[in-house]
Amino acid sequence: MNSKISLLKYLVVISLHIGMIFHMYGCCPQPSASIIPRPQNIDYQRGAFVVNARTTIVANEETKAAAEQLRAFLKPATGLPLKITTEPKEIRNAISLQRDEQWANLGQKGIPCR
């Protein structure tokens, strides 16, 4: 009985070490984001994305209305008047909204129109 417990402890420790190694060296697949609609691209980095007073929403003329809706949606939860810009310069803390041509022919309910 004691040898079974020792073996089990050994296997647990080995499993934890292997898991830490995979996690540290990026061998595991990236986590999936629960965002609807699913973004075409997510740039995963260490840490967390924090919406704060320096967060900017980057939009173009096509997505400016969506950016304004997003800002209005986030204001009650954050209390922040997020800035919207149409200049695609390098901003570290930004939410970028761009139209994907693949979905350009969606109808009002998100059903493809032909």
N, C-alpha and C. Protein backbone atom coordinates (compact mmCIF):
# COMPACT_ATOMS: atom_id res chain seq x y z
N MET A 1 0.83 -1.20 0.00
CA MET A 1 0.00 0.00 0.00
C MET A 1 0.86 1.25 0.00
N ASN A 2 1.91 1.28 0.84
CA ASN A 2 2.81 2.42 0.92
C ASN A 2 3.54 2.66 -0.40
N SER A 3 3.92 1.57 -1.05
CA SER A 3 4.63 1.71 -2.32
C SER A 3 3.72 2.26 -3.41
N LYS A 4 2.42 1.93 -3.36
CA LYS A 4 1.47 2.48 -4.33
C LYS A 4 1.30 3.98 -4.13
N ILE A 5 1.24 4.44 -2.89
CA ILE A 5 1.11 5.86 -2.60
C ILE A 5 2.36 6.60 -3.03
N SER A 6 3.53 6.03 -2.77
CA SER A 6 4.80 6.64 -3.18
C SER A 6 4.86 6.76 -4.70
N LEU A 7 4.45 5.71 -5.39
CA LEU A 7 4.46 5.74 -6.85
C LEU A 7 3.49 6.80 -7.36
N LEU A 8 2.32 6.89 -6.76
CA LEU A 8 1.33 7.88 -7.15
C LEU A 8 1.87 9.30 -6.94
N LYS A 9 2.50 9.55 -5.80
CA LYS A 9 3.09 10.86 -5.53
C LYS A 9 4.16 11.18 -6.56
N TYR A 10 4.98 10.20 -6.88
CA TYR A 10 6.05 10.37 -7.86
C TYR A 10 5.46 10.75 -9.23
N LEU A 11 4.40 10.06 -9.65
CA LEU A 11 3.78 10.33 -10.94
C LEU A 11 3.14 11.72 -10.97
N VAL A 12 2.53 12.12 -9.87
CA VAL A 12 1.93 13.45 -9.80
C VAL A 12 3.00 14.52 -9.92
N VAL A 13 4.10 14.36 -9.21
CA VAL A 13 5.19 15.34 -9.27
C VAL A 13 5.77 15.42 -10.68
N ILE A 14 6.00 14.27 -11.30
CA ILE A 14 6.53 14.24 -12.67
C ILE A 14 5.55 14.92 -13.63
N SER A 15 4.26 14.64 -13.49
CA SER A 15 3.25 15.25 -14.36
C SER A 15 3.24 16.77 -14.21
N LEU A 16 3.34 17.25 -12.99
CA LEU A 16 3.36 18.69 -12.76
C LEU A 16 4.59 19.33 -13.41
N HIS A 17 5.73 18.68 -13.27
CA HIS A 17 6.95 19.23 -13.87
C HIS A 17 6.85 19.26 -15.40
N ILE A 18 6.35 18.21 -15.98
CA ILE A 18 6.19 18.18 -17.43
C ILE A 18 5.22 19.27 -17.88
N GLY A 19 4.14 19.43 -17.16
CA GLY A 19 3.17 20.48 -17.49
C GLY A 19 3.78 21.86 -17.41
N MET A 20 4.60 22.10 -16.38
CA MET A 20 5.26 23.41 -16.24
C MET A 20 6.23 23.65 -17.39
N ILE A 21 6.94 22.62 -17.80
CA ILE A 21 7.90 22.76 -18.89
C ILE A 21 7.16 23.11 -20.19
N PHE A 22 6.08 22.39 -20.48
CA PHE A 22 5.31 22.69 -21.68
C PHE A 22 4.77 24.11 -21.64
N HIS A 23 4.29 24.53 -20.49
CA HIS A 23 3.73 25.87 -20.35
C HIS A 23 4.81 26.94 -20.52
N MET A 24 5.97 26.74 -19.92
CA MET A 24 7.05 27.73 -19.98
C MET A 24 7.59 27.91 -21.39
N TYR A 25 7.67 26.84 -22.15
CA TYR A 25 8.27 26.92 -23.47
C TYR A 25 7.26 27.01 -24.60
N GLY A 26 6.02 27.25 -24.28
CA GLY A 26 5.02 27.48 -25.30
C GLY A 26 4.67 26.27 -26.14
N CYS A 27 4.81 25.09 -25.60
CA CYS A 27 4.51 23.88 -26.37
C CYS A 27 3.01 23.58 -26.39
N CYS A 28 2.28 24.24 -25.55
CA CYS A 28 0.85 23.99 -25.47
C CYS A 28 0.12 24.91 -26.45
N PRO A 29 -1.03 24.50 -26.97
CA PRO A 29 -1.78 25.38 -27.86
C PRO A 29 -2.26 26.62 -27.11
N GLN A 30 -2.43 27.69 -27.85
CA GLN A 30 -2.92 28.94 -27.26
C GLN A 30 -4.34 28.74 -26.75
N PRO A 31 -4.69 29.42 -25.67
CA PRO A 31 -6.06 29.31 -25.18
C PRO A 31 -7.01 29.96 -26.18
N SER A 32 -8.24 29.50 -26.21
CA SER A 32 -9.20 30.12 -27.11
C SER A 32 -9.94 31.22 -26.36
N ALA A 33 -10.31 32.25 -27.08
CA ALA A 33 -11.02 33.37 -26.48
C ALA A 33 -12.52 33.18 -26.67
N SER A 34 -13.27 33.52 -25.66
CA SER A 34 -14.73 33.43 -25.75
C SER A 34 -15.26 34.80 -26.16
N ILE A 35 -15.07 35.13 -27.43
CA ILE A 35 -15.51 36.41 -27.98
C ILE A 35 -16.40 36.12 -29.17
N ILE A 36 -17.55 36.80 -29.21
CA ILE A 36 -18.48 36.64 -30.32
C ILE A 36 -18.70 38.02 -30.94
N PRO A 37 -18.53 38.20 -32.23
CA PRO A 37 -18.04 37.21 -33.18
C PRO A 37 -16.56 36.96 -32.96
N ARG A 38 -16.11 35.76 -33.33
CA ARG A 38 -14.73 35.37 -33.11
C ARG A 38 -13.80 36.25 -33.96
N PRO A 39 -12.81 36.87 -33.33
CA PRO A 39 -11.88 37.71 -34.09
C PRO A 39 -11.08 36.88 -35.08
N GLN A 40 -10.68 37.50 -36.17
CA GLN A 40 -9.86 36.83 -37.17
C GLN A 40 -8.48 36.56 -36.61
N ASN A 41 -8.00 37.47 -35.78
CA ASN A 41 -6.65 37.34 -35.24
C ASN A 41 -6.62 37.82 -33.79
N ILE A 42 -5.98 37.07 -32.93
CA ILE A 42 -5.76 37.48 -31.55
C ILE A 42 -4.27 37.36 -31.29
N ASP A 43 -3.67 38.42 -30.81
CA ASP A 43 -2.25 38.43 -30.51
C ASP A 43 -2.07 38.13 -29.02
N TYR A 44 -1.85 36.85 -28.70
CA TYR A 44 -1.67 36.45 -27.31
C TYR A 44 -0.30 36.88 -26.82
N GLN A 45 -0.26 37.48 -25.65
CA GLN A 45 0.99 37.88 -25.04
C GLN A 45 0.90 37.56 -23.55
N ARG A 46 2.03 37.64 -22.89
CA ARG A 46 2.02 37.41 -21.44
C ARG A 46 1.28 38.53 -20.74
N GLY A 47 0.71 38.21 -19.61
CA GLY A 47 0.01 39.22 -18.84
C GLY A 47 -1.47 39.26 -19.17
N ALA A 48 -2.06 40.41 -18.95
CA ALA A 48 -3.49 40.57 -19.18
C ALA A 48 -3.74 41.87 -19.91
N PHE A 49 -4.78 41.89 -20.71
CA PHE A 49 -5.19 43.14 -21.35
C PHE A 49 -6.10 43.85 -20.37
N VAL A 50 -5.73 45.06 -20.01
CA VAL A 50 -6.50 45.83 -19.04
C VAL A 50 -7.06 47.07 -19.73
N VAL A 51 -8.37 47.22 -19.65
CA VAL A 51 -8.99 48.43 -20.17
C VAL A 51 -8.83 49.50 -19.10
N ASN A 52 -8.11 50.58 -19.47
CA ASN A 52 -7.89 51.68 -18.53
C ASN A 52 -7.99 53.00 -19.28
N ALA A 53 -7.64 54.09 -18.64
CA ALA A 53 -7.78 55.42 -19.22
C ALA A 53 -6.92 55.60 -20.48
N ARG A 54 -5.89 54.77 -20.66
CA ARG A 54 -5.04 54.88 -21.86
C ARG A 54 -5.49 53.97 -22.99
N THR A 55 -6.52 53.17 -22.78
CA THR A 55 -7.01 52.27 -23.82
C THR A 55 -7.65 53.09 -24.94
N THR A 56 -7.28 52.77 -26.17
CA THR A 56 -7.80 53.45 -27.34
C THR A 56 -8.47 52.43 -28.25
N ILE A 57 -9.58 52.82 -28.85
CA ILE A 57 -10.24 51.99 -29.85
C ILE A 57 -9.81 52.52 -31.22
N VAL A 58 -9.18 51.64 -32.00
CA VAL A 58 -8.73 52.01 -33.33
C VAL A 58 -9.75 51.52 -34.35
N ALA A 59 -10.25 52.43 -35.17
CA ALA A 59 -11.27 52.09 -36.16
C ALA A 59 -10.96 52.82 -37.46
N ASN A 60 -11.62 52.40 -38.52
CA ASN A 60 -11.54 53.15 -39.76
C ASN A 60 -12.94 53.69 -40.04
N GLU A 61 -13.13 54.30 -41.20
CA GLU A 61 -14.44 54.89 -41.49
C GLU A 61 -15.55 53.85 -41.49
N GLU A 62 -15.26 52.63 -41.94
CA GLU A 62 -16.27 51.56 -41.98
C GLU A 62 -16.64 51.06 -40.59
N THR A 63 -15.70 51.08 -39.67
CA THR A 63 -15.95 50.50 -38.34
C THR A 63 -16.13 51.55 -37.25
N LYS A 64 -16.17 52.82 -37.63
CA LYS A 64 -16.28 53.88 -36.62
C LYS A 64 -17.59 53.78 -35.82
N ALA A 65 -18.70 53.44 -36.49
CA ALA A 65 -19.98 53.30 -35.78
C ALA A 65 -19.91 52.16 -34.77
N ALA A 66 -19.26 51.05 -35.14
CA ALA A 66 -19.10 49.93 -34.21
C ALA A 66 -18.21 50.33 -33.05
N ALA A 67 -17.19 51.15 -33.32
CA ALA A 67 -16.30 51.62 -32.25
C ALA A 67 -17.07 52.50 -31.26
N GLU A 68 -17.95 53.33 -31.78
CA GLU A 68 -18.76 54.18 -30.90
C GLU A 68 -19.71 53.33 -30.05
N GLN A 69 -20.27 52.27 -30.66
CA GLN A 69 -21.14 51.36 -29.90
C GLN A 69 -20.34 50.65 -28.80
N LEU A 70 -19.14 50.20 -29.14
CA LEU A 70 -18.29 49.52 -28.16
C LEU A 70 -17.95 50.46 -27.01
N ARG A 71 -17.59 51.70 -27.34
CA ARG A 71 -17.26 52.67 -26.30
C ARG A 71 -18.47 52.89 -25.38
N ALA A 72 -19.66 53.04 -25.97
CA ALA A 72 -20.88 53.24 -25.17
C ALA A 72 -21.18 52.01 -24.31
N PHE A 73 -20.91 50.81 -24.83
CA PHE A 73 -21.15 49.57 -24.09
C PHE A 73 -20.19 49.43 -22.91
N LEU A 74 -18.92 49.82 -23.11
CA LEU A 74 -17.92 49.66 -22.06
C LEU A 74 -17.96 50.76 -21.00
N LYS A 75 -18.51 51.93 -21.32
CA LYS A 75 -18.48 53.04 -20.38
C LYS A 75 -19.16 52.74 -19.03
N PRO A 76 -20.36 52.15 -18.99
CA PRO A 76 -20.96 51.86 -17.68
C PRO A 76 -20.13 50.88 -16.84
N ALA A 77 -19.48 49.93 -17.49
CA ALA A 77 -18.71 48.93 -16.75
C ALA A 77 -17.35 49.48 -16.30
N THR A 78 -16.78 50.39 -17.08
CA THR A 78 -15.43 50.88 -16.76
C THR A 78 -15.44 52.29 -16.20
N GLY A 79 -16.47 53.07 -16.53
CA GLY A 79 -16.50 54.47 -16.13
C GLY A 79 -15.53 55.33 -16.94
N LEU A 80 -15.00 54.77 -18.03
CA LEU A 80 -13.98 55.46 -18.82
C LEU A 80 -14.54 55.95 -20.15
N PRO A 81 -14.23 57.17 -20.53
CA PRO A 81 -14.58 57.66 -21.87
C PRO A 81 -13.46 57.28 -22.85
N LEU A 82 -13.49 56.07 -23.35
CA LEU A 82 -12.40 55.58 -24.19
C LEU A 82 -12.27 56.43 -25.46
N LYS A 83 -11.03 56.67 -25.84
CA LYS A 83 -10.72 57.45 -27.02
C LYS A 83 -10.87 56.57 -28.26
N ILE A 84 -11.40 57.16 -29.34
CA ILE A 84 -11.48 56.48 -30.62
C ILE A 84 -10.58 57.23 -31.59
N THR A 85 -9.75 56.49 -32.31
CA THR A 85 -8.89 57.10 -33.30
C THR A 85 -8.99 56.33 -34.61
N THR A 86 -8.76 57.03 -35.72
CA THR A 86 -8.75 56.39 -37.03
C THR A 86 -7.33 56.27 -37.56
N GLU A 87 -6.36 56.67 -36.76
CA GLU A 87 -4.97 56.58 -37.17
C GLU A 87 -4.37 55.27 -36.68
N PRO A 88 -3.97 54.40 -37.62
CA PRO A 88 -3.48 53.07 -37.23
C PRO A 88 -2.03 53.07 -36.76
N LYS A 89 -1.65 54.07 -35.96
CA LYS A 89 -0.28 54.08 -35.45
C LYS A 89 -0.13 53.03 -34.37
N GLU A 90 1.09 52.78 -33.98
CA GLU A 90 1.39 51.75 -32.97
C GLU A 90 0.91 52.23 -31.59
N ILE A 91 -0.12 51.59 -31.09
CA ILE A 91 -0.66 51.91 -29.76
C ILE A 91 -0.57 50.64 -28.94
N ARG A 92 0.01 50.73 -27.77
CA ARG A 92 0.22 49.53 -26.95
C ARG A 92 -1.07 48.98 -26.34
N ASN A 93 -1.96 49.83 -25.92
CA ASN A 93 -3.17 49.38 -25.23
C ASN A 93 -4.37 49.75 -26.09
N ALA A 94 -4.62 48.94 -27.14
CA ALA A 94 -5.66 49.30 -28.10
C ALA A 94 -6.55 48.12 -28.43
N ILE A 95 -7.78 48.47 -28.78
CA ILE A 95 -8.73 47.52 -29.34
C ILE A 95 -8.91 47.95 -30.79
N SER A 96 -8.55 47.09 -31.72
CA SER A 96 -8.59 47.43 -33.13
C SER A 96 -9.79 46.77 -33.80
N LEU A 97 -10.61 47.58 -34.46
CA LEU A 97 -11.78 47.07 -35.17
C LEU A 97 -11.57 47.25 -36.66
N GLN A 98 -11.56 46.13 -37.39
CA GLN A 98 -11.38 46.17 -38.84
C GLN A 98 -12.39 45.26 -39.48
N ARG A 99 -12.87 45.65 -40.63
CA ARG A 99 -13.85 44.86 -41.36
C ARG A 99 -13.15 43.73 -42.09
N ASP A 100 -13.69 42.53 -41.99
CA ASP A 100 -13.15 41.37 -42.68
C ASP A 100 -14.00 41.15 -43.93
N GLU A 101 -13.39 41.26 -45.10
CA GLU A 101 -14.11 41.14 -46.36
C GLU A 101 -14.79 39.77 -46.52
N GLN A 102 -14.28 38.76 -45.83
CA GLN A 102 -14.88 37.43 -45.90
C GLN A 102 -16.34 37.46 -45.44
N TRP A 103 -16.65 38.37 -44.52
CA TRP A 103 -18.00 38.45 -43.96
C TRP A 103 -18.77 39.66 -44.49
N ALA A 104 -18.35 40.20 -45.62
CA ALA A 104 -18.96 41.42 -46.15
C ALA A 104 -20.40 41.21 -46.62
N ASN A 105 -20.77 40.00 -47.00
CA ASN A 105 -22.11 39.76 -47.55
C ASN A 105 -23.08 39.15 -46.54
N LEU A 106 -22.91 39.49 -45.27
CA LEU A 106 -23.85 38.98 -44.27
C LEU A 106 -25.07 39.88 -44.21
N GLY A 107 -26.21 39.26 -44.07
CA GLY A 107 -27.44 40.01 -43.93
C GLY A 107 -27.58 40.54 -42.50
N GLN A 108 -28.71 41.12 -42.21
CA GLN A 108 -28.93 41.74 -40.91
C GLN A 108 -28.84 40.76 -39.75
N LYS A 109 -29.20 39.50 -39.97
CA LYS A 109 -29.16 38.51 -38.89
C LYS A 109 -27.90 37.66 -38.94
N GLY A 110 -26.90 38.07 -39.73
CA GLY A 110 -25.66 37.32 -39.80
C GLY A 110 -25.72 36.13 -40.72
N ILE A 111 -26.71 36.07 -41.58
CA ILE A 111 -26.85 34.97 -42.54
C ILE A 111 -26.26 35.43 -43.87
N PRO A 112 -25.37 34.63 -44.47
CA PRO A 112 -24.78 35.04 -45.74
C PRO A 112 -25.83 35.31 -46.82
N CYS A 113 -25.69 36.43 -47.51
CA CYS A 113 -26.58 36.79 -48.62
C CYS A 113 -25.86 36.50 -49.92
N ARG A 114 -26.55 35.96 -50.85
CA ARG A 114 -25.93 35.65 -52.16
C ARG A 114 -26.57 36.43 -53.25
